[in-house]
Amino acid sequence: MSPAATFSTMETPICTTARILAPQAGIFVAELPNGKKVLAHLSRQLRESGAVVAVGMRVAVEMTAYDFDIARIVRVLDEECKG
């Protein structure tokens, strides 16, 4: 068996939800359910579709096991802010 067949370069992302706290120069400060604040950016699909993310919205995020300070916003869960 080849090494490529036994080793995957794609790690399974950690998926969770977050609440947007503040926008910052193209990225967002988001709070995870455990209270940790992370920097979150829109995934390419959301950015290209023109998705709007505002303060107070709940979003689904993905993180790697190697960096718990950065998250990728993959889906908007709330369509409107619920303060």
Protein backbone atom coordinates (compact mmCIF):
# COMPACT_ATOMS: atom_id res chain seq x y z
CA MET A 1 0.00 0.00 0.00
CA SER A 2 1.36 3.41 -0.93
CA PRO A 3 1.97 6.08 1.73
CA ALA A 4 -0.58 8.30 0.02
CA ALA A 5 -3.27 5.69 0.63
CA THR A 6 -2.55 5.50 4.36
CA PHE A 7 -1.96 9.19 5.14
CA SER A 8 -4.56 11.87 4.57
CA THR A 9 -3.41 15.47 4.25
CA MET A 10 -6.93 16.68 5.03
CA GLU A 11 -7.66 16.69 8.73
CA THR A 12 -11.27 16.54 9.89
CA PRO A 13 -12.24 20.07 10.97
CA ILE A 14 -13.72 20.85 14.36
CA CYS A 15 -17.26 22.14 13.75
CA THR A 16 -19.14 24.31 16.22
CA THR A 17 -21.28 27.43 16.42
CA ALA A 18 -20.28 30.98 17.30
CA ARG A 19 -21.85 34.38 17.83
CA ILE A 20 -20.45 37.38 15.96
CA LEU A 21 -19.26 40.07 18.38
CA ALA A 22 -17.58 42.67 16.15
CA PRO A 23 -16.36 43.21 12.59
CA GLN A 24 -12.66 43.96 12.07
CA ALA A 25 -11.13 44.78 8.67
CA GLY A 26 -12.64 41.95 6.64
CA ILE A 27 -12.77 39.46 9.49
CA PHE A 28 -14.93 39.10 12.58
CA VAL A 29 -14.46 38.57 16.29
CA ALA A 30 -16.67 35.64 17.25
CA GLU A 31 -17.43 33.96 20.58
CA LEU A 32 -17.59 30.17 20.84
CA PRO A 33 -20.08 28.42 23.15
CA ASN A 34 -17.35 27.98 25.79
CA GLY A 35 -16.75 31.76 25.89
CA LYS A 36 -13.47 31.78 23.93
CA LYS A 37 -13.10 34.60 21.42
CA VAL A 38 -11.66 33.78 17.99
CA LEU A 39 -11.01 35.61 14.73
CA ALA A 40 -13.36 34.28 12.05
CA HIS A 41 -13.37 34.81 8.29
CA LEU A 42 -15.97 33.98 5.66
CA SER A 43 -15.45 30.85 3.59
CA ARG A 44 -14.92 31.40 -0.12
CA GLN A 45 -18.45 30.14 -0.91
CA LEU A 46 -20.07 32.62 1.49
CA ARG A 47 -17.88 35.49 0.30
CA GLU A 48 -18.68 34.80 -3.37
CA SER A 49 -22.41 34.43 -2.69
CA GLY A 50 -22.49 37.85 -1.00
CA ALA A 51 -23.57 36.55 2.41
CA VAL A 52 -24.05 39.26 5.01
CA VAL A 53 -22.87 38.65 8.57
CA ALA A 54 -23.75 41.15 11.27
CA VAL A 55 -23.06 41.58 14.97
CA GLY A 56 -25.21 39.24 17.06
CA MET A 57 -25.70 36.60 14.38
CA ARG A 58 -25.08 32.92 15.07
CA VAL A 59 -22.86 31.14 12.55
CA ALA A 60 -21.44 27.67 12.01
CA VAL A 61 -17.63 27.64 12.06
CA GLU A 62 -14.83 25.19 11.33
CA MET A 63 -11.48 25.15 13.11
CA THR A 64 -8.37 23.01 12.85
CA ALA A 65 -6.95 21.08 15.76
CA TYR A 66 -3.71 23.03 15.31
CA ASP A 67 -4.99 26.60 15.72
CA PHE A 68 -7.85 27.40 18.09
CA ASP A 69 -7.60 31.17 17.50
CA ILE A 70 -8.82 31.20 13.87
CA ALA A 71 -12.15 29.94 12.51
CA ARG A 72 -13.81 29.76 9.10
CA ILE A 73 -17.48 30.77 8.90
CA VAL A 74 -19.15 28.11 6.77
CA ARG A 75 -22.85 28.84 7.31
CA VAL A 76 -25.08 31.58 8.69
CA LEU A 77 -27.55 30.12 11.22
CA ASP A 78 -29.52 33.30 12.02
CA GLU A 79 -30.95 35.32 9.18
CA GLU A 80 -31.41 38.41 11.34
CA CYS A 81 -29.79 39.77 14.48
CA LYS A 82 -31.56 38.93 17.72
CA GLY A 83 -29.63 41.36 19.89
